[in-house]
Each structure stands twice: as C-alpha cells, then as structure tokens.
Amino acid sequence: MKQTNYILKVIDAKKPDIRKALKDAGIEVKALTEVYSEDIENIIKEETKDGEETSEG
C-alpha cells in the first residue's frame, strides 16, 4: 500500500462535502487542506463581457 497526494480544484464545494463524496466512493481521506481560494465571479463576468465562452477544465 502507498500514500498518494493529489490536488483537487473545485467550484463551490466545502471540505465536508468533498470528504463525504470521497468516502461514499470508497476513498479514504487522510487529510484535506485548503491551499488557495479565489472569487471566480469576477473572472466569469470579464470573460462573458469580452464575448468569450466560459469553459471548465
């Protein structure tokens, strides 16, 4: 068995929700730490104002 670290980017999710979803999928979470947070509403408004389509990924 080995321990693996991942970075997960989410929109409008809270740590308890993420932990529960992973647990429900059978994934044991050893630690869940918020690294960075930003308000994306302004980014989305700028993209739509400029006529660009928003995309996830």
C-alpha atoms as a PDB file:
ATOM      1  CA  MET A   1       0.000   0.000   0.000  1.00  0.00           C
ATOM      2  CA  LYS A   2       1.236   3.522  -0.709  1.00  0.00           C
ATOM      3  CA  GLN A   3       0.123   7.041   0.107  1.00  0.00           C
ATOM      4  CA  THR A   4      -0.571   9.375  -2.824  1.00  0.00           C
ATOM      5  CA  ASN A   5      -1.158  13.142  -2.709  1.00  0.00           C
ATOM      6  CA  TYR A   6      -3.493  14.885  -5.171  1.00  0.00           C
ATOM      7  CA  ILE A   7      -4.521  18.463  -5.874  1.00  0.00           C
ATOM      8  CA  LEU A   8      -8.228  18.891  -6.496  1.00  0.00           C
ATOM      9  CA  LYS A   9      -9.789  22.087  -7.871  1.00  0.00           C
ATOM     10  CA  VAL A  10     -13.486  22.547  -7.119  1.00  0.00           C
ATOM     11  CA  ILE A  11     -16.132  25.207  -7.586  1.00  0.00           C
ATOM     12  CA  ASP A  12     -18.472  25.983  -4.691  1.00  0.00           C
ATOM     13  CA  ALA A  13     -17.666  22.883  -2.648  1.00  0.00           C
ATOM     14  CA  LYS A  14     -16.885  22.739   1.035  1.00  0.00           C
ATOM     15  CA  LYS A  15     -14.401  20.438   2.737  1.00  0.00           C
ATOM     16  CA  PRO A  16     -17.067  18.309   4.472  1.00  0.00           C
ATOM     17  CA  ASP A  17     -18.851  17.784   1.135  1.00  0.00           C
ATOM     18  CA  ILE A  18     -15.624  16.744  -0.574  1.00  0.00           C
ATOM     19  CA  ARG A  19     -14.702  14.384   2.266  1.00  0.00           C
ATOM     20  CA  LYS A  20     -18.193  12.798   2.206  1.00  0.00           C
ATOM     21  CA  ALA A  21     -18.165  12.361  -1.578  1.00  0.00           C
ATOM     22  CA  LEU A  22     -14.774  10.662  -1.495  1.00  0.00           C
ATOM     23  CA  LYS A  23     -15.802   8.475   1.447  1.00  0.00           C
ATOM     24  CA  ASP A  24     -19.007   7.475  -0.386  1.00  0.00           C
ATOM     25  CA  ALA A  25     -16.814   6.482  -3.353  1.00  0.00           C
ATOM     26  CA  GLY A  26     -14.768   4.232  -1.069  1.00  0.00           C
ATOM     27  CA  ILE A  27     -11.754   6.547  -0.904  1.00  0.00           C
ATOM     28  CA  GLU A  28     -10.126   7.013   2.493  1.00  0.00           C
ATOM     29  CA  VAL A  29      -9.132  10.628   3.082  1.00  0.00           C
ATOM     30  CA  LYS A  30      -6.177  11.043   5.410  1.00  0.00           C
ATOM     31  CA  ALA A  31      -6.082  14.853   5.231  1.00  0.00           C
ATOM     32  CA  LEU A  32      -7.903  17.589   3.341  1.00  0.00           C
ATOM     33  CA  THR A  33      -6.270  21.031   3.295  1.00  0.00           C
ATOM     34  CA  GLU A  34      -7.390  24.202   1.548  1.00  0.00           C
ATOM     35  CA  VAL A  35      -4.387  25.592  -0.316  1.00  0.00           C
ATOM     36  CA  TYR A  36      -5.799  28.573  -2.200  1.00  0.00           C
ATOM     37  CA  SER A  37      -9.162  30.241  -2.698  1.00  0.00           C
ATOM     38  CA  GLU A  38     -10.278  32.955  -5.116  1.00  0.00           C
ATOM     39  CA  ASP A  39     -13.533  34.625  -6.127  1.00  0.00           C
ATOM     40  CA  ILE A  40     -14.209  33.484  -9.694  1.00  0.00           C
ATOM     41  CA  GLU A  41     -17.378  35.532 -10.237  1.00  0.00           C
ATOM     42  CA  ASN A  42     -15.322  38.499 -11.434  1.00  0.00           C
ATOM     43  CA  ILE A  43     -13.339  36.276 -13.800  1.00  0.00           C
ATOM     44  CA  ILE A  44     -16.523  34.835 -15.309  1.00  0.00           C
ATOM     45  CA  LYS A  45     -18.035  38.327 -15.711  1.00  0.00           C
ATOM     46  CA  GLU A  46     -14.888  39.558 -17.505  1.00  0.00           C
ATOM     47  CA  GLU A  47     -14.922  36.591 -19.904  1.00  0.00           C
ATOM     48  CA  THR A  48     -18.589  36.976 -20.782  1.00  0.00           C
ATOM     49  CA  LYS A  49     -18.182  40.763 -21.158  1.00  0.00           C
ATOM     50  CA  ASP A  50     -15.412  40.185 -23.708  1.00  0.00           C
ATOM     51  CA  GLY A  51     -17.607  37.758 -25.652  1.00  0.00           C
ATOM     52  CA  GLU A  52     -15.599  34.689 -24.744  1.00  0.00           C
ATOM     53  CA  GLU A  53     -17.245  31.452 -23.790  1.00  0.00           C
ATOM     54  CA  THR A  54     -16.515  30.080 -20.354  1.00  0.00           C
ATOM     55  CA  SER A  55     -15.172  26.553 -20.138  1.00  0.00           C
ATOM     56  CA  GLU A  56     -14.288  24.168 -17.366  1.00  0.00           C
ATOM     57  CA  GLY A  57     -11.058  22.295 -17.240  1.00  0.00           C
END
